[in-house]
Amino acid sequence: MLLKDIYNQEFIFDLANNIKKFFHNFDKKLFIEQIFNQDWQKYSLKERMGHISNVINHNLSEDYQENIHILKNVAQNVKKFQYNNLSLIIFADFIEKFGLDDFETSIKALKFFTSFGSAEFAIRKFLLKYEKQTLEKILEFSLDQNYHVRRLASEGIRPRLPWGIALKKYQKNPAAILPILENLKNDENEYVRRSVANNLNDISKDNAEICLEITKKWQQENCNHKMIQHSLRTLLKSGNQKALELMGYNKISAKITNFKCLKEIKIGDNLSFSFILNNEAKNNIRIEYAIYFLLKNGKFYRKIFQIKQGNFSKDKFSFNKKHSFKKITTRKYYSGIHKIGIILNGKEILKENFNLRNAP
């Protein structure tokens, strides 16, 4: 099943039936015909979402506030299909498209609908148009009793939210959003804390020192260790020494021996490799490997993958790993010499070549 197929016939029929319950002038047959137009099968997930919002708007009343009241009732009755609440993001999408001129109604509606389908994408449009008012509301959300609303406070202001509008102002200077993260740093719900970590990780990509300063402070305040480590994941992967030291990954007495990897594989196969970690004293160790992907222009793109991290005793440890070169839509492979490296606590210990060739 493709992700876009969460918007399938079963979902649309159920949506139409529920709209009819709460809006008696609703033409269910026309609604369904307009949804399943000649381009429906071509639409991506986001395009289907936007199309459904447009058709809902076309078939409801001309009063936006009345439509929000109708959709609140619908959201509480529509079935949850595969992928849980992802399909119900259409309600926040509707607000983003048709509610920008009614701040008070829309911001209250986003708070309501985020429990059904996250409103983190929609609220960003309001941040851009009504920054001061929206930040004030988001600060209130960060203290709400509902953990979905608290998560919206953090996730909605992420500077680099994937698939969302980039908040370039906060990429340059995240000061305005830091009080919200402070309110949520000790949240009882891991779902919320993970969002806080994602937000701070976004900040680290543009303002590493600010991220390090905050995480150091939070560590001194005995905040959740897992959250702090997740906040630093990009800096840890990049080998940032301050981040590594903060997480206890200091200089170590360890060596890599018996490294072996296939010297030649074809696209579609796995690169198998193995090695032994000789640890000469008890240490916190972060073990990673890097693949240097050959690009079309002959240069390399280095990507790091984690193997294991934690406290290692004085001993020898064997590792056998595989890296898939199966064709994927997000990366194009080029035949030729690639490289693999092994990294201990941010430092690349060894690097060897292997040949990736086209499948026959």
Protein backbone atom coordinates (compact mmCIF):
# COMPACT_ATOMS: atom_id res chain seq x y z
CA MET A 1 0.00 0.00 0.00
CA LEU A 2 1.34 3.43 -0.94
CA LEU A 3 1.20 6.07 1.77
CA LYS A 4 -1.08 8.25 -0.36
CA ASP A 5 -3.64 5.44 -0.34
CA ILE A 6 -4.65 6.30 3.22
CA TYR A 7 -6.99 8.52 1.22
CA ASN A 8 -8.86 5.67 -0.41
CA GLN A 9 -12.50 4.97 -1.23
CA GLU A 10 -13.25 3.67 2.25
CA PHE A 11 -11.91 6.81 3.88
CA ILE A 12 -13.67 9.20 1.48
CA PHE A 13 -17.02 7.41 1.86
CA ASP A 14 -16.74 7.53 5.65
CA LEU A 15 -15.75 11.21 5.51
CA ALA A 16 -18.71 11.99 3.25
CA ASN A 17 -21.16 10.12 5.49
CA ASN A 18 -20.00 12.05 8.54
CA ILE A 19 -20.12 15.44 6.84
CA LYS A 20 -23.71 14.64 5.81
CA LYS A 21 -24.59 13.96 9.47
CA PHE A 22 -23.60 17.47 10.52
CA PHE A 23 -24.38 19.48 7.37
CA HIS A 24 -27.75 18.49 5.96
CA ASN A 25 -27.38 20.47 2.70
CA PHE A 26 -24.32 18.42 1.84
CA ASP A 27 -24.46 16.65 -1.56
CA LYS A 28 -22.64 13.44 -0.77
CA LYS A 29 -22.78 12.08 -4.32
CA LEU A 30 -21.35 15.27 -5.84
CA PHE A 31 -18.61 15.39 -3.18
CA ILE A 32 -17.45 11.85 -3.97
CA GLU A 33 -17.53 12.52 -7.73
CA GLN A 34 -15.41 15.65 -7.27
CA ILE A 35 -12.89 13.83 -5.08
CA PHE A 36 -12.34 10.98 -7.51
CA ASN A 37 -11.66 13.12 -10.55
CA GLN A 38 -9.59 12.09 -13.56
CA ASP A 39 -6.33 13.12 -11.85
CA TRP A 40 -6.93 11.37 -8.50
CA GLN A 41 -4.65 8.40 -9.21
CA LYS A 42 -1.81 10.74 -10.23
CA TYR A 43 -1.95 12.83 -7.08
CA SER A 44 0.79 12.49 -4.46
CA LEU A 45 -0.09 12.27 -0.74
CA LYS A 46 0.17 16.05 -0.32
CA GLU A 47 -1.80 16.69 -3.50
CA ARG A 48 -4.60 14.37 -2.36
CA MET A 49 -4.69 16.13 0.99
CA GLY A 50 -4.97 19.55 -0.65
CA HIS A 51 -7.54 18.33 -3.15
CA ILE A 52 -9.76 16.92 -0.37
CA SER A 53 -9.54 20.24 1.53
CA ASN A 54 -10.56 22.16 -1.58
CA VAL A 55 -13.52 19.88 -2.29
CA ILE A 56 -14.67 20.05 1.34
CA ASN A 57 -14.59 23.84 1.17
CA HIS A 58 -16.48 23.84 -2.13
CA ASN A 59 -19.28 21.71 -0.67
CA LEU A 60 -19.75 23.31 2.76
CA SER A 61 -21.28 26.67 3.67
CA GLU A 62 -19.80 30.10 2.91
CA ASP A 63 -19.34 30.72 6.64
CA TYR A 64 -15.82 29.64 7.74
CA GLN A 65 -16.70 29.53 11.44
CA GLU A 66 -19.72 27.33 10.71
CA ASN A 67 -17.53 25.02 8.63
CA ILE A 68 -15.03 24.66 11.48
CA HIS A 69 -17.89 23.71 13.81
CA ILE A 70 -19.03 21.05 11.31
CA LEU A 71 -15.53 19.65 10.87
CA LYS A 72 -14.96 19.43 14.62
CA ASN A 73 -17.95 17.09 14.82
CA VAL A 74 -16.75 15.15 11.78
CA ALA A 75 -13.26 14.67 13.26
CA GLN A 76 -14.73 13.11 16.38
CA ASN A 77 -16.74 10.59 14.37
CA VAL A 78 -14.67 9.69 11.32
CA LYS A 79 -12.92 6.33 11.51
CA LYS A 80 -9.18 6.06 11.98
CA PHE A 81 -7.74 4.09 9.12
CA GLN A 82 -4.26 2.72 8.45
CA TYR A 83 -1.38 4.94 9.62
CA ASN A 84 -3.60 6.11 12.49
CA ASN A 85 -4.11 9.86 12.54
CA LEU A 86 -2.06 10.76 9.48
CA SER A 87 -5.15 10.80 7.30
CA LEU A 88 -6.84 13.30 9.63
CA ILE A 89 -4.27 16.02 8.90
CA ILE A 90 -6.78 17.16 6.26
CA PHE A 91 -8.57 19.17 8.96
CA ALA A 92 -5.47 21.22 9.79
CA ASP A 93 -4.79 21.51 6.07
CA PHE A 94 -8.28 22.96 5.61
CA ILE A 95 -7.53 25.62 8.25
CA GLU A 96 -4.19 26.46 6.64
CA LYS A 97 -5.88 27.00 3.28
CA PHE A 98 -9.07 28.77 4.26
CA GLY A 99 -8.58 30.19 7.77
CA LEU A 100 -5.62 32.56 7.52
CA ASP A 101 -7.87 35.62 7.69
CA ASP A 102 -9.56 34.51 10.93
CA PHE A 103 -6.75 34.12 13.46
CA GLU A 104 -8.78 33.55 16.64
CA THR A 105 -11.08 30.90 15.15
CA SER A 106 -8.22 29.14 13.37
CA ILE A 107 -5.70 29.03 16.21
CA LYS A 108 -8.34 27.54 18.53
CA ALA A 109 -9.26 25.05 15.82
CA LEU A 110 -5.62 24.01 15.32
CA LYS A 111 -5.37 23.35 19.05
CA PHE A 112 -8.49 21.17 18.79
CA PHE A 113 -7.55 19.28 15.62
CA THR A 114 -3.94 18.54 16.57
CA SER A 115 -5.19 15.66 18.73
CA PHE A 116 -6.73 14.06 15.64
CA GLY A 117 -4.08 14.87 13.03
CA SER A 118 -1.05 16.93 13.87
CA ALA A 119 -1.26 20.65 13.06
CA GLU A 120 2.52 21.25 13.00
CA PHE A 121 2.52 22.07 9.27
CA ALA A 122 -0.52 24.33 9.28
CA ILE A 123 0.48 26.47 12.26
CA ARG A 124 3.60 27.65 10.45
CA LYS A 125 1.52 29.73 8.04
CA PHE A 126 0.11 31.58 11.05
CA LEU A 127 3.61 32.11 12.47
CA LEU A 128 4.61 33.78 9.23
CA LYS A 129 1.53 36.02 9.09
CA TYR A 130 0.90 36.67 12.81
CA GLU A 131 4.23 35.97 14.48
CA LYS A 132 3.70 37.75 17.81
CA GLN A 133 0.15 36.48 18.38
CA THR A 134 1.02 32.94 17.31
CA LEU A 135 4.09 32.75 19.54
CA GLU A 136 1.99 33.89 22.49
CA LYS A 137 -0.52 31.11 21.78
CA ILE A 138 2.21 28.53 21.29
CA LEU A 139 3.72 29.50 24.64
CA GLU A 140 0.29 28.80 26.17
CA PHE A 141 0.14 25.49 24.30
CA SER A 142 3.45 24.46 25.88
CA LEU A 143 1.73 24.48 29.29
CA ASP A 144 -1.47 22.72 28.16
CA GLN A 145 -2.74 19.58 29.88
CA ASN A 146 -3.08 17.75 26.54
CA TYR A 147 0.25 16.26 25.41
CA HIS A 148 -0.76 16.55 21.74
CA VAL A 149 -1.10 20.31 22.20
CA ARG A 150 2.23 20.50 24.05
CA ARG A 151 3.90 18.60 21.22
CA LEU A 152 2.40 21.02 18.71
CA ALA A 153 4.11 23.84 20.63
CA SER A 154 7.51 22.29 19.99
CA GLU A 155 7.02 20.63 16.62
CA GLY A 156 5.24 23.61 15.07
CA ILE A 157 8.21 25.93 15.66
CA ARG A 158 10.97 23.60 14.46
CA PRO A 159 13.24 25.72 12.24
CA ARG A 160 13.77 22.87 9.78
CA LEU A 161 10.65 20.69 10.03
CA PRO A 162 10.84 18.03 7.27
CA TRP A 163 8.17 18.60 4.59
CA GLY A 164 7.16 21.83 6.35
CA ILE A 165 7.80 25.48 5.55
CA ALA A 166 11.30 26.43 6.72
CA LEU A 167 11.30 29.10 9.43
CA LYS A 168 14.35 30.98 8.18
CA LYS A 169 14.09 33.70 10.80
CA TYR A 170 14.49 31.10 13.55
CA GLN A 171 17.28 29.38 11.65
CA LYS A 172 19.24 32.62 11.93
CA ASN A 173 18.24 33.36 15.51
CA PRO A 174 16.21 30.83 17.55
CA ALA A 175 15.94 33.07 20.64
CA ALA A 176 12.16 33.49 20.31
CA ILE A 177 11.48 29.75 20.50
CA LEU A 178 13.84 28.85 23.36
CA PRO A 179 11.36 29.72 26.18
CA ILE A 180 8.94 27.20 24.68
CA LEU A 181 11.59 24.47 24.72
CA GLU A 182 12.44 25.39 28.31
CA ASN A 183 8.81 24.77 29.28
CA LEU A 184 8.88 21.33 27.66
CA LYS A 185 12.38 20.04 28.48
CA ASN A 186 11.11 17.94 31.44
CA ASP A 187 7.79 16.94 29.91
CA GLU A 188 6.41 13.70 31.33
CA ASN A 189 5.58 12.39 27.85
CA GLU A 190 8.37 10.97 25.68
CA TYR A 191 6.44 11.93 22.52
CA VAL A 192 6.81 15.57 23.58
CA ARG A 193 10.43 15.24 24.72
CA ARG A 194 11.36 13.68 21.40
CA SER A 195 9.87 16.69 19.62
CA VAL A 196 11.94 18.99 21.85
CA ALA A 197 15.03 17.00 20.87
CA ASN A 198 14.12 17.25 17.18
CA ASN A 199 13.70 21.00 17.54
CA LEU A 200 17.05 21.43 19.25
CA ASN A 201 18.71 19.21 16.66
CA ASP A 202 17.30 21.55 13.99
CA ILE A 203 18.85 24.48 15.87
CA SER A 204 22.23 22.69 15.98
CA LYS A 205 22.44 22.70 12.18
CA ASP A 206 22.59 26.51 12.09
CA ASN A 207 23.62 27.44 15.63
CA ALA A 208 25.79 24.67 17.06
CA GLU A 209 27.07 26.72 20.00
CA ILE A 210 23.54 27.62 21.12
CA CYS A 211 22.55 23.96 21.04
CA LEU A 212 25.67 22.96 22.99
CA GLU A 213 25.08 25.68 25.59
CA ILE A 214 21.48 24.56 26.13
CA THR A 215 22.23 20.84 26.30
CA LYS A 216 25.10 21.45 28.74
CA LYS A 217 22.73 23.43 30.97
CA TRP A 218 20.05 20.75 30.71
CA GLN A 219 22.56 18.05 31.54
CA GLN A 220 23.56 19.96 34.69
CA GLU A 221 19.86 20.15 35.57
CA ASN A 222 19.58 16.35 35.20
CA CYS A 223 17.18 16.51 32.27
CA ASN A 224 16.39 13.32 30.38
CA HIS A 225 19.65 11.85 29.03
CA LYS A 226 18.02 10.24 26.00
CA MET A 227 16.46 13.56 24.99
CA ILE A 228 19.80 15.39 25.27
CA GLN A 229 21.60 12.74 23.24
CA HIS A 230 18.91 12.86 20.55
CA SER A 231 19.22 16.65 20.48
CA LEU A 232 22.93 16.33 19.72
CA ARG A 233 22.68 13.58 17.11
CA THR A 234 23.73 15.72 14.14
CA LEU A 235 26.69 17.20 16.04
CA LEU A 236 27.67 13.73 17.28
CA LYS A 237 27.57 12.35 13.74
CA SER A 238 29.69 15.23 12.48
CA GLY A 239 32.34 14.44 15.10
CA ASN A 240 31.85 17.64 17.08
CA GLN A 241 34.24 17.24 20.00
CA LYS A 242 32.22 19.37 22.43
CA ALA A 243 29.11 17.27 21.79
CA LEU A 244 31.07 14.03 22.10
CA GLU A 245 32.66 15.11 25.38
CA LEU A 246 29.29 16.26 26.73
CA MET A 247 27.94 12.74 26.13
CA GLY A 248 31.01 11.15 27.71
CA TYR A 249 32.71 10.03 24.50
CA ASN A 250 36.25 11.10 25.34
CA LYS A 251 39.66 9.82 24.30
CA ILE A 252 39.75 6.04 24.42
CA SER A 253 42.23 3.18 24.53
CA ALA A 254 40.82 1.05 21.74
CA LYS A 255 41.94 -0.26 18.36
CA ILE A 256 40.28 -1.77 15.32
CA THR A 257 41.82 -4.99 14.00
CA ASN A 258 40.96 -7.69 11.48
CA PHE A 259 38.93 -5.34 9.31
CA LYS A 260 37.50 -7.14 6.29
CA CYS A 261 35.07 -6.05 3.62
CA LEU A 262 34.05 -7.23 0.18
CA LYS A 263 36.27 -5.66 -2.45
CA GLU A 264 33.62 -5.73 -5.15
CA ILE A 265 29.83 -5.78 -5.16
CA LYS A 266 27.15 -4.93 -7.68
CA ILE A 267 24.34 -2.42 -7.30
CA GLY A 268 21.47 -4.19 -5.55
CA ASP A 269 23.73 -6.27 -3.29
CA ASN A 270 24.93 -5.82 0.29
CA LEU A 271 28.41 -4.71 1.29
CA SER A 272 29.48 -7.10 4.05
CA PHE A 273 32.20 -6.00 6.44
CA SER A 274 33.56 -7.09 9.81
CA PHE A 275 36.13 -6.05 12.40
CA ILE A 276 37.26 -6.55 15.98
CA LEU A 277 37.26 -3.81 18.59
CA ASN A 278 40.15 -4.27 20.99
CA ASN A 279 39.21 -2.22 24.04
CA GLU A 280 42.10 -1.82 26.48
CA ALA A 281 40.15 -0.10 29.28
CA LYS A 282 36.57 0.51 30.33
CA ASN A 283 35.27 3.28 28.04
CA ASN A 284 32.21 4.99 26.65
CA ILE A 285 32.51 4.30 22.93
CA ARG A 286 30.49 5.42 19.94
CA ILE A 287 31.10 3.15 16.94
CA GLU A 288 30.03 4.29 13.48
CA TYR A 289 30.86 3.62 9.87
CA ALA A 290 31.02 6.01 6.96
CA ILE A 291 30.24 5.27 3.33
CA TYR A 292 31.84 7.55 0.76
CA PHE A 293 29.36 7.46 -2.12
CA LEU A 294 30.82 8.22 -5.53
CA LEU A 295 28.99 11.08 -7.25
CA LYS A 296 28.48 11.74 -10.94
CA ASN A 297 31.17 14.46 -10.91
CA GLY A 298 33.77 12.08 -9.47
CA LYS A 299 33.65 13.54 -5.96
CA PHE A 300 32.44 11.72 -2.85
CA TYR A 301 29.48 12.22 -0.52
CA ARG A 302 30.19 10.97 3.02
CA LYS A 303 27.30 9.62 5.07
CA ILE A 304 27.67 8.22 8.57
CA PHE A 305 25.74 5.28 10.04
CA GLN A 306 25.70 4.18 13.67
CA ILE A 307 26.77 0.69 14.73
CA LYS A 308 26.71 0.81 18.53
CA GLN A 309 27.28 3.17 21.42
CA GLY A 310 27.56 2.76 25.17
CA ASN A 311 29.88 1.60 27.93
CA PHE A 312 32.36 -1.10 26.87
CA SER A 313 34.37 -3.22 29.26
CA LYS A 314 38.04 -4.12 28.74
CA ASP A 315 37.64 -6.88 26.16
CA LYS A 316 37.48 -7.80 22.48
CA PHE A 317 34.25 -7.31 20.57
CA SER A 318 33.44 -8.69 17.12
CA PHE A 319 31.19 -6.89 14.66
CA ASN A 320 29.67 -8.22 11.43
CA LYS A 321 27.65 -5.73 9.44
CA LYS A 322 25.98 -5.26 6.05
CA HIS A 323 25.19 -2.11 4.11
CA SER A 324 22.54 -2.36 1.42
CA PHE A 325 23.10 -0.93 -2.05
CA LYS A 326 19.58 -1.81 -3.11
CA LYS A 327 18.16 0.79 -5.50
CA ILE A 328 16.12 3.46 -3.70
CA THR A 329 14.38 6.60 -4.92
CA THR A 330 16.35 8.94 -2.65
CA ARG A 331 19.84 8.03 -3.90
CA LYS A 332 21.36 7.25 -7.29
CA TYR A 333 24.36 4.93 -7.29
CA TYR A 334 27.26 5.31 -9.70
CA SER A 335 29.61 2.47 -10.56
CA GLY A 336 33.24 2.86 -9.54
CA ILE A 337 35.44 3.03 -6.46
CA HIS A 338 33.65 3.82 -3.19
CA LYS A 339 35.11 3.95 0.32
CA ILE A 340 34.16 2.71 3.78
CA GLY A 341 35.52 4.04 7.07
CA ILE A 342 35.22 3.00 10.72
CA ILE A 343 34.76 5.77 13.29
CA LEU A 344 35.38 5.65 17.06
CA ASN A 345 34.20 8.61 19.14
CA GLY A 346 34.10 10.90 16.14
CA LYS A 347 37.51 9.97 14.73
CA GLU A 348 37.89 7.89 11.59
CA ILE A 349 40.27 5.06 12.44
CA LEU A 350 40.57 3.41 9.02
CA LYS A 351 39.32 3.73 5.47
CA GLU A 352 39.32 1.23 2.62
CA ASN A 353 38.14 1.10 -0.98
CA PHE A 354 35.59 -1.19 -2.61
CA ASN A 355 34.29 -1.31 -6.15
CA LEU A 356 30.59 -0.89 -6.88
CA ARG A 357 29.62 -2.08 -10.34
CA ASN A 358 26.45 -2.12 -12.36
CA ALA A 359 24.31 -5.22 -12.19
CA PRO A 360 24.48 -7.30 -15.40
